[in-house]
Amino acid sequence: MDGQEQIKRGMLWLGSATLAARLLDVGATLVVVSLLSKEQVGLASLALSACAILESLSGLGIGSALVQAKELSRDEESSLFWITSAGGVGLGLILLGLSPVLTATYEQARLGPLLWASALKLVLVGISVVPMQLLSKRLQFREIGTVQTLSSLGEGVTKIVCAF
């Protein structure tokens, strides 16, 4: 199979996996919303918003730079992995530090555990930046799609279990 055909097939895999991941996200969200009260959905929205703001800082642009770099040694890849992982831990700690402030501001003690779970997500996102970008750089779209779909499935199941 020539390179052009391989890229087309990879893009088809990635597109299909992205669609599957989004459908899993929507399905899990619908199940969770049906299980929770309006107040609980509001609390979850606050936690998700705080997490999303901090998640936008994840990777600090390292992922894009990694894909564009002509050559990187294993040591450089490893260093970038540890930098983004430490960044994820740092963002998680920031969210944990903000947890008492947000909990007091909204006078909702039940917001704390939701923020703690969101902090864990920030750590996992930081850890995943370099491996995912290395897969992109190597045009391993099937693997990217598989990871996306499985993470969406895991996230959806976790949300539903927590909602119960």
N, C-alpha and C. Protein backbone atom coordinates (compact mmCIF):
# COMPACT_ATOMS: atom_id res chain seq x y z
N MET A 1 0.85 -1.18 0.00
CA MET A 1 0.00 0.00 0.00
C MET A 1 0.90 1.24 0.00
N ASP A 2 0.61 2.18 -0.91
CA ASP A 2 1.44 3.38 -0.98
C ASP A 2 1.12 4.35 0.15
N GLY A 3 1.96 5.36 0.32
CA GLY A 3 1.83 6.31 1.42
C GLY A 3 0.52 7.08 1.39
N GLN A 4 0.09 7.46 0.19
CA GLN A 4 -1.15 8.22 0.05
C GLN A 4 -2.35 7.41 0.52
N GLU A 5 -2.38 6.15 0.12
CA GLU A 5 -3.47 5.25 0.51
C GLU A 5 -3.46 5.02 2.02
N GLN A 6 -2.27 4.89 2.57
CA GLN A 6 -2.13 4.67 4.01
C GLN A 6 -2.65 5.88 4.80
N ILE A 7 -2.36 7.07 4.32
CA ILE A 7 -2.85 8.29 4.97
C ILE A 7 -4.37 8.37 4.87
N LYS A 8 -4.92 8.06 3.72
CA LYS A 8 -6.38 8.07 3.55
C LYS A 8 -7.04 7.09 4.52
N ARG A 9 -6.49 5.89 4.60
CA ARG A 9 -7.05 4.88 5.49
C ARG A 9 -6.93 5.33 6.95
N GLY A 10 -5.79 5.92 7.28
CA GLY A 10 -5.60 6.43 8.64
C GLY A 10 -6.58 7.52 8.99
N MET A 11 -6.82 8.42 8.05
CA MET A 11 -7.77 9.51 8.29
C MET A 11 -9.19 8.97 8.44
N LEU A 12 -9.53 7.94 7.68
CA LEU A 12 -10.84 7.30 7.83
C LEU A 12 -10.97 6.69 9.22
N TRP A 13 -9.92 6.02 9.68
CA TRP A 13 -9.93 5.46 11.03
C TRP A 13 -10.12 6.56 12.07
N LEU A 14 -9.34 7.62 11.93
CA LEU A 14 -9.40 8.71 12.89
C LEU A 14 -10.76 9.39 12.88
N GLY A 15 -11.30 9.63 11.70
CA GLY A 15 -12.63 10.25 11.60
C GLY A 15 -13.71 9.38 12.21
N SER A 16 -13.66 8.09 11.92
CA SER A 16 -14.64 7.16 12.48
C SER A 16 -14.53 7.08 14.00
N ALA A 17 -13.29 7.03 14.48
CA ALA A 17 -13.07 6.96 15.93
C ALA A 17 -13.52 8.24 16.62
N THR A 18 -13.27 9.38 15.99
CA THR A 18 -13.71 10.65 16.56
C THR A 18 -15.23 10.69 16.65
N LEU A 19 -15.90 10.25 15.61
CA LEU A 19 -17.36 10.19 15.62
C LEU A 19 -17.85 9.26 16.72
N ALA A 20 -17.24 8.08 16.83
CA ALA A 20 -17.62 7.13 17.89
C ALA A 20 -17.40 7.73 19.27
N ALA A 21 -16.27 8.41 19.45
CA ALA A 21 -15.97 9.02 20.75
C ALA A 21 -17.00 10.10 21.10
N ARG A 22 -17.38 10.92 20.12
CA ARG A 22 -18.37 11.96 20.38
C ARG A 22 -19.73 11.36 20.70
N LEU A 23 -20.10 10.29 19.99
CA LEU A 23 -21.38 9.64 20.27
C LEU A 23 -21.38 9.02 21.67
N LEU A 24 -20.26 8.45 22.07
CA LEU A 24 -20.14 7.92 23.43
C LEU A 24 -20.27 9.05 24.46
N ASP A 25 -19.63 10.19 24.17
CA ASP A 25 -19.71 11.35 25.07
C ASP A 25 -21.15 11.83 25.22
N VAL A 26 -21.83 11.97 24.10
CA VAL A 26 -23.22 12.44 24.13
C VAL A 26 -24.10 11.43 24.87
N GLY A 27 -23.94 10.16 24.55
CA GLY A 27 -24.74 9.13 25.22
C GLY A 27 -24.53 9.11 26.72
N ALA A 28 -23.28 9.17 27.15
CA ALA A 28 -22.98 9.18 28.59
C ALA A 28 -23.55 10.43 29.24
N THR A 29 -23.43 11.56 28.57
CA THR A 29 -23.96 12.81 29.13
C THR A 29 -25.47 12.73 29.29
N LEU A 30 -26.16 12.19 28.31
CA LEU A 30 -27.62 12.05 28.40
C LEU A 30 -28.01 11.13 29.56
N VAL A 31 -27.29 10.04 29.73
CA VAL A 31 -27.58 9.13 30.85
C VAL A 31 -27.34 9.84 32.18
N VAL A 32 -26.21 10.53 32.29
CA VAL A 32 -25.87 11.22 33.55
C VAL A 32 -26.90 12.30 33.86
N VAL A 33 -27.27 13.10 32.86
CA VAL A 33 -28.24 14.17 33.08
C VAL A 33 -29.59 13.60 33.52
N SER A 34 -29.95 12.45 33.01
CA SER A 34 -31.22 11.85 33.40
C SER A 34 -31.19 11.30 34.83
N LEU A 35 -30.00 11.02 35.34
CA LEU A 35 -29.86 10.46 36.69
C LEU A 35 -29.73 11.54 37.77
N LEU A 36 -29.35 12.75 37.38
CA LEU A 36 -29.07 13.80 38.37
C LEU A 36 -30.19 14.82 38.46
N SER A 37 -30.27 15.45 39.63
CA SER A 37 -31.21 16.56 39.82
C SER A 37 -30.62 17.81 39.16
N LYS A 38 -31.45 18.85 39.04
CA LYS A 38 -30.98 20.11 38.45
C LYS A 38 -29.84 20.69 39.27
N GLU A 39 -29.93 20.60 40.59
CA GLU A 39 -28.87 21.13 41.45
C GLU A 39 -27.56 20.37 41.24
N GLN A 40 -27.66 19.06 41.12
CA GLN A 40 -26.47 18.24 40.89
C GLN A 40 -25.84 18.54 39.53
N VAL A 41 -26.65 18.74 38.52
CA VAL A 41 -26.14 19.10 37.19
C VAL A 41 -25.43 20.46 37.27
N GLY A 42 -25.99 21.39 38.01
CA GLY A 42 -25.36 22.70 38.19
C GLY A 42 -24.00 22.59 38.85
N LEU A 43 -23.90 21.78 39.90
CA LEU A 43 -22.62 21.57 40.57
C LEU A 43 -21.60 20.94 39.62
N ALA A 44 -22.05 19.94 38.88
CA ALA A 44 -21.15 19.29 37.92
C ALA A 44 -20.67 20.28 36.86
N SER A 45 -21.56 21.17 36.44
CA SER A 45 -21.19 22.18 35.44
C SER A 45 -20.12 23.13 35.98
N LEU A 46 -20.23 23.49 37.25
CA LEU A 46 -19.21 24.34 37.86
C LEU A 46 -17.86 23.65 37.86
N ALA A 47 -17.85 22.38 38.26
CA ALA A 47 -16.59 21.64 38.30
C ALA A 47 -16.00 21.47 36.90
N LEU A 48 -16.85 21.15 35.93
CA LEU A 48 -16.38 20.97 34.55
C LEU A 48 -15.85 22.28 33.98
N SER A 49 -16.48 23.39 34.32
CA SER A 49 -16.02 24.69 33.81
C SER A 49 -14.65 25.04 34.38
N ALA A 50 -14.48 24.85 35.67
CA ALA A 50 -13.19 25.14 36.30
C ALA A 50 -12.10 24.26 35.69
N CYS A 51 -12.42 22.99 35.47
CA CYS A 51 -11.46 22.06 34.89
C CYS A 51 -11.13 22.45 33.45
N ALA A 52 -12.12 22.83 32.68
CA ALA A 52 -11.91 23.19 31.27
C ALA A 52 -10.99 24.40 31.13
N ILE A 53 -11.17 25.37 32.03
CA ILE A 53 -10.32 26.56 31.98
C ILE A 53 -8.86 26.17 32.20
N LEU A 54 -8.61 25.35 33.21
CA LEU A 54 -7.23 24.94 33.49
C LEU A 54 -6.71 23.96 32.43
N GLU A 55 -7.58 23.11 31.91
CA GLU A 55 -7.16 22.14 30.90
C GLU A 55 -6.66 22.83 29.63
N SER A 56 -7.15 24.03 29.36
CA SER A 56 -6.70 24.75 28.17
C SER A 56 -5.21 25.09 28.26
N LEU A 57 -4.65 25.06 29.47
CA LEU A 57 -3.22 25.33 29.65
C LEU A 57 -2.38 24.07 29.56
N SER A 58 -3.02 22.93 29.44
CA SER A 58 -2.31 21.65 29.45
C SER A 58 -1.36 21.54 28.27
N GLY A 59 -0.17 21.09 28.55
CA GLY A 59 0.83 20.89 27.50
C GLY A 59 1.61 22.14 27.13
N LEU A 60 1.07 23.30 27.46
CA LEU A 60 1.77 24.56 27.25
C LEU A 60 2.32 24.73 25.83
N GLY A 61 1.63 24.19 24.84
CA GLY A 61 2.06 24.29 23.45
C GLY A 61 3.12 23.28 23.06
N ILE A 62 3.52 22.45 24.01
CA ILE A 62 4.57 21.47 23.74
C ILE A 62 4.10 20.45 22.70
N GLY A 63 2.83 20.06 22.75
CA GLY A 63 2.31 19.08 21.80
C GLY A 63 2.46 19.55 20.37
N SER A 64 2.09 20.78 20.10
CA SER A 64 2.21 21.32 18.74
C SER A 64 3.67 21.41 18.31
N ALA A 65 4.52 21.88 19.21
CA ALA A 65 5.94 21.98 18.89
C ALA A 65 6.54 20.61 18.62
N LEU A 66 6.08 19.62 19.36
CA LEU A 66 6.58 18.26 19.19
C LEU A 66 6.25 17.72 17.80
N VAL A 67 5.04 17.96 17.33
CA VAL A 67 4.63 17.48 16.00
C VAL A 67 5.45 18.19 14.92
N GLN A 68 5.76 19.45 15.11
CA GLN A 68 6.45 20.23 14.08
C GLN A 68 7.96 20.04 14.08
N ALA A 69 8.52 19.52 15.17
CA ALA A 69 9.97 19.36 15.27
C ALA A 69 10.46 18.36 14.23
N LYS A 70 11.54 18.71 13.54
CA LYS A 70 12.10 17.82 12.52
C LYS A 70 12.65 16.55 13.14
N GLU A 71 13.46 16.71 14.18
CA GLU A 71 14.07 15.56 14.84
C GLU A 71 14.08 15.77 16.33
N LEU A 72 13.80 14.70 17.06
CA LEU A 72 13.89 14.72 18.52
C LEU A 72 14.53 13.41 18.97
N SER A 73 15.42 13.52 19.92
CA SER A 73 16.03 12.32 20.47
C SER A 73 15.07 11.71 21.49
N ARG A 74 15.34 10.47 21.88
CA ARG A 74 14.53 9.81 22.91
C ARG A 74 14.61 10.59 24.22
N ASP A 75 15.79 11.12 24.51
CA ASP A 75 15.95 11.90 25.74
C ASP A 75 15.09 13.17 25.71
N GLU A 76 15.03 13.82 24.56
CA GLU A 76 14.21 15.01 24.43
C GLU A 76 12.72 14.67 24.56
N GLU A 77 12.31 13.57 23.93
CA GLU A 77 10.92 13.12 24.05
C GLU A 77 10.59 12.81 25.51
N SER A 78 11.51 12.14 26.18
CA SER A 78 11.31 11.80 27.59
C SER A 78 11.20 13.06 28.44
N SER A 79 12.07 14.02 28.19
CA SER A 79 12.03 15.28 28.95
C SER A 79 10.70 16.00 28.74
N LEU A 80 10.24 16.04 27.51
CA LEU A 80 8.96 16.69 27.22
C LEU A 80 7.82 15.97 27.91
N PHE A 81 7.89 14.63 27.93
CA PHE A 81 6.86 13.86 28.63
C PHE A 81 6.81 14.26 30.10
N TRP A 82 7.97 14.33 30.73
CA TRP A 82 7.99 14.66 32.16
C TRP A 82 7.58 16.10 32.42
N ILE A 83 7.90 17.00 31.50
CA ILE A 83 7.49 18.40 31.65
C ILE A 83 5.96 18.51 31.59
N THR A 84 5.35 17.87 30.59
CA THR A 84 3.89 17.96 30.46
C THR A 84 3.20 17.20 31.59
N SER A 85 3.80 16.10 32.04
CA SER A 85 3.23 15.37 33.17
C SER A 85 3.27 16.23 34.43
N ALA A 86 4.41 16.88 34.66
CA ALA A 86 4.53 17.78 35.82
C ALA A 86 3.54 18.95 35.69
N GLY A 87 3.35 19.42 34.45
CA GLY A 87 2.37 20.49 34.22
C GLY A 87 0.97 20.03 34.58
N GLY A 88 0.63 18.79 34.22
CA GLY A 88 -0.68 18.24 34.57
C GLY A 88 -0.86 18.13 36.07
N VAL A 89 0.19 17.67 36.75
CA VAL A 89 0.14 17.60 38.21
C VAL A 89 -0.01 19.00 38.80
N GLY A 90 0.74 19.96 38.25
CA GLY A 90 0.63 21.34 38.72
C GLY A 90 -0.76 21.91 38.54
N LEU A 91 -1.36 21.68 37.38
CA LEU A 91 -2.72 22.16 37.14
C LEU A 91 -3.71 21.48 38.08
N GLY A 92 -3.51 20.19 38.31
CA GLY A 92 -4.36 19.47 39.26
C GLY A 92 -4.25 20.06 40.65
N LEU A 93 -3.02 20.39 41.05
CA LEU A 93 -2.81 20.99 42.37
C LEU A 93 -3.43 22.38 42.47
N ILE A 94 -3.37 23.13 41.37
CA ILE A 94 -4.02 24.45 41.36
C ILE A 94 -5.52 24.29 41.58
N LEU A 95 -6.11 23.32 40.89
CA LEU A 95 -7.56 23.09 41.05
C LEU A 95 -7.87 22.65 42.48
N LEU A 96 -7.02 21.79 43.04
CA LEU A 96 -7.22 21.40 44.44
C LEU A 96 -7.11 22.60 45.36
N GLY A 97 -6.17 23.51 45.07
CA GLY A 97 -6.03 24.72 45.87
C GLY A 97 -7.22 25.65 45.74
N LEU A 98 -7.82 25.67 44.55
CA LEU A 98 -9.00 26.50 44.34
C LEU A 98 -10.27 25.88 44.91
N SER A 99 -10.22 24.59 45.17
CA SER A 99 -11.40 23.87 45.64
C SER A 99 -12.05 24.50 46.87
N PRO A 100 -11.29 24.81 47.94
CA PRO A 100 -11.94 25.42 49.10
C PRO A 100 -12.54 26.80 48.79
N VAL A 101 -11.87 27.54 47.92
CA VAL A 101 -12.36 28.88 47.55
C VAL A 101 -13.68 28.76 46.78
N LEU A 102 -13.71 27.88 45.79
CA LEU A 102 -14.92 27.71 44.99
C LEU A 102 -16.05 27.12 45.83
N THR A 103 -15.70 26.17 46.69
CA THR A 103 -16.71 25.56 47.56
C THR A 103 -17.33 26.62 48.48
N ALA A 104 -16.49 27.51 49.03
CA ALA A 104 -16.99 28.57 49.91
C ALA A 104 -17.76 29.63 49.12
N THR A 105 -17.26 29.97 47.95
CA THR A 105 -17.91 30.99 47.12
C THR A 105 -19.34 30.59 46.77
N TYR A 106 -19.51 29.34 46.39
CA TYR A 106 -20.83 28.87 45.99
C TYR A 106 -21.61 28.24 47.15
N GLU A 107 -20.98 28.20 48.32
CA GLU A 107 -21.59 27.63 49.52
C GLU A 107 -22.14 26.23 49.23
N GLN A 108 -21.30 25.42 48.59
CA GLN A 108 -21.69 24.07 48.21
C GLN A 108 -20.56 23.11 48.58
N ALA A 109 -20.66 22.48 49.73
CA ALA A 109 -19.63 21.55 50.18
C ALA A 109 -19.49 20.37 49.21
N ARG A 110 -20.59 20.01 48.54
CA ARG A 110 -20.55 18.87 47.63
C ARG A 110 -19.77 19.16 46.35
N LEU A 111 -19.39 20.41 46.14
CA LEU A 111 -18.59 20.76 44.97
C LEU A 111 -17.16 20.25 45.10
N GLY A 112 -16.65 20.17 46.32
CA GLY A 112 -15.27 19.75 46.56
C GLY A 112 -14.89 18.43 45.91
N PRO A 113 -15.62 17.34 46.17
CA PRO A 113 -15.25 16.06 45.56
C PRO A 113 -15.30 16.09 44.02
N LEU A 114 -16.19 16.88 43.46
CA LEU A 114 -16.24 17.00 42.00
C LEU A 114 -14.98 17.68 41.47
N LEU A 115 -14.51 18.68 42.20
CA LEU A 115 -13.28 19.37 41.80
C LEU A 115 -12.07 18.46 41.97
N TRP A 116 -12.09 17.61 42.99
CA TRP A 116 -10.97 16.67 43.19
C TRP A 116 -10.90 15.68 42.04
N ALA A 117 -12.05 15.19 41.61
CA ALA A 117 -12.08 14.26 40.46
C ALA A 117 -11.60 14.97 39.20
N SER A 118 -11.98 16.23 39.05
CA SER A 118 -11.54 17.00 37.89
C SER A 118 -10.03 17.23 37.93
N ALA A 119 -9.48 17.38 39.13
CA ALA A 119 -8.04 17.56 39.27
C ALA A 119 -7.31 16.31 38.78
N LEU A 120 -7.87 15.14 39.05
CA LEU A 120 -7.27 13.90 38.56
C LEU A 120 -7.27 13.87 37.03
N LYS A 121 -8.35 14.36 36.44
CA LYS A 121 -8.42 14.40 34.98
C LYS A 121 -7.30 15.28 34.42
N LEU A 122 -7.01 16.40 35.08
CA LEU A 122 -5.94 17.28 34.61
C LEU A 122 -4.58 16.58 34.62
N VAL A 123 -4.36 15.77 35.64
CA VAL A 123 -3.11 14.99 35.70
C VAL A 123 -3.05 14.03 34.52
N LEU A 124 -4.14 13.31 34.26
CA LEU A 124 -4.16 12.33 33.17
C LEU A 124 -3.99 13.01 31.81
N VAL A 125 -4.57 14.18 31.64
CA VAL A 125 -4.41 14.91 30.38
C VAL A 125 -2.95 15.30 30.19
N GLY A 126 -2.31 15.78 31.24
CA GLY A 126 -0.89 16.15 31.15
C GLY A 126 -0.02 14.97 30.77
N ILE A 127 -0.32 13.82 31.33
CA ILE A 127 0.45 12.61 31.03
C ILE A 127 0.26 12.18 29.58
N SER A 128 -0.91 12.44 29.01
CA SER A 128 -1.22 11.94 27.67
C SER A 128 -0.73 12.84 26.53
N VAL A 129 -0.33 14.07 26.82
CA VAL A 129 0.00 15.02 25.74
C VAL A 129 1.09 14.49 24.83
N VAL A 130 2.23 14.13 25.37
CA VAL A 130 3.37 13.73 24.53
C VAL A 130 3.09 12.42 23.79
N PRO A 131 2.61 11.36 24.46
CA PRO A 131 2.34 10.13 23.68
C PRO A 131 1.35 10.35 22.53
N MET A 132 0.30 11.14 22.77
CA MET A 132 -0.68 11.37 21.71
C MET A 132 -0.07 12.17 20.55
N GLN A 133 0.75 13.15 20.87
CA GLN A 133 1.36 13.96 19.81
C GLN A 133 2.42 13.17 19.05
N LEU A 134 3.10 12.26 19.73
CA LEU A 134 4.05 11.40 19.02
C LEU A 134 3.32 10.49 18.04
N LEU A 135 2.15 10.00 18.43
CA LEU A 135 1.35 9.19 17.51
C LEU A 135 0.94 10.04 16.30
N SER A 136 0.55 11.29 16.54
CA SER A 136 0.18 12.19 15.43
C SER A 136 1.36 12.42 14.50
N LYS A 137 2.51 12.69 15.11
CA LYS A 137 3.70 12.96 14.31
C LYS A 137 4.05 11.77 13.42
N ARG A 138 3.81 10.58 13.92
CA ARG A 138 4.14 9.36 13.19
C ARG A 138 2.97 8.88 12.31
N LEU A 139 1.93 9.70 12.24
CA LEU A 139 0.75 9.41 11.42
C LEU A 139 0.11 8.08 11.77
N GLN A 140 0.08 7.77 13.05
CA GLN A 140 -0.53 6.52 13.52
C GLN A 140 -1.98 6.79 13.92
N PHE A 141 -2.78 7.06 12.90
CA PHE A 141 -4.15 7.48 13.12
C PHE A 141 -5.02 6.39 13.72
N ARG A 142 -4.79 5.15 13.34
CA ARG A 142 -5.58 4.05 13.90
C ARG A 142 -5.38 3.99 15.42
N GLU A 143 -4.14 4.13 15.86
CA GLU A 143 -3.84 4.08 17.28
C GLU A 143 -4.45 5.27 18.01
N ILE A 144 -4.38 6.45 17.39
CA ILE A 144 -4.98 7.65 17.99
C ILE A 144 -6.48 7.44 18.15
N GLY A 145 -7.12 6.94 17.10
CA GLY A 145 -8.55 6.70 17.14
C GLY A 145 -8.93 5.69 18.21
N THR A 146 -8.13 4.65 18.34
CA THR A 146 -8.40 3.64 19.36
C THR A 146 -8.30 4.25 20.76
N VAL A 147 -7.25 5.03 20.98
CA VAL A 147 -7.08 5.68 22.29
C VAL A 147 -8.23 6.64 22.57
N GLN A 148 -8.61 7.44 21.58
CA GLN A 148 -9.73 8.38 21.76
C GLN A 148 -11.02 7.66 22.13
N THR A 149 -11.31 6.60 21.39
CA THR A 149 -12.56 5.88 21.63
C THR A 149 -12.56 5.21 23.00
N LEU A 150 -11.44 4.55 23.34
CA LEU A 150 -11.37 3.88 24.64
C LEU A 150 -11.40 4.88 25.79
N SER A 151 -10.74 6.05 25.62
CA SER A 151 -10.80 7.03 26.71
C SER A 151 -12.19 7.61 26.85
N SER A 152 -12.89 7.82 25.75
CA SER A 152 -14.27 8.31 25.84
C SER A 152 -15.17 7.27 26.51
N LEU A 153 -14.96 6.02 26.16
CA LEU A 153 -15.73 4.95 26.79
C LEU A 153 -15.44 4.89 28.30
N GLY A 154 -14.17 4.95 28.66
CA GLY A 154 -13.80 4.94 30.09
C GLY A 154 -14.35 6.13 30.84
N GLU A 155 -14.26 7.30 30.21
CA GLU A 155 -14.79 8.51 30.85
C GLU A 155 -16.31 8.42 31.02
N GLY A 156 -16.99 7.92 29.97
CA GLY A 156 -18.45 7.80 30.03
C GLY A 156 -18.89 6.83 31.11
N VAL A 157 -18.23 5.68 31.19
CA VAL A 157 -18.58 4.70 32.22
C VAL A 157 -18.32 5.28 33.61
N THR A 158 -17.19 5.97 33.76
CA THR A 158 -16.87 6.60 35.06
C THR A 158 -17.92 7.63 35.45
N LYS A 159 -18.36 8.46 34.50
CA LYS A 159 -19.39 9.46 34.78
C LYS A 159 -20.68 8.79 35.24
N ILE A 160 -21.07 7.76 34.52
CA ILE A 160 -22.34 7.08 34.85
C ILE A 160 -22.25 6.42 36.21
N VAL A 161 -21.14 5.75 36.50
CA VAL A 161 -20.96 5.11 37.80
C VAL A 161 -21.00 6.15 38.91
N CYS A 162 -20.34 7.27 38.71
CA CYS A 162 -20.34 8.33 39.73
C CYS A 162 -21.73 8.94 39.91
N ALA A 163 -22.49 9.04 38.81
CA ALA A 163 -23.83 9.60 38.89
C ALA A 163 -24.74 8.73 39.75
N PHE A 164 -24.54 7.41 39.68
CA PHE A 164 -25.33 6.51 40.52
C PHE A 164 -24.96 6.70 41.97
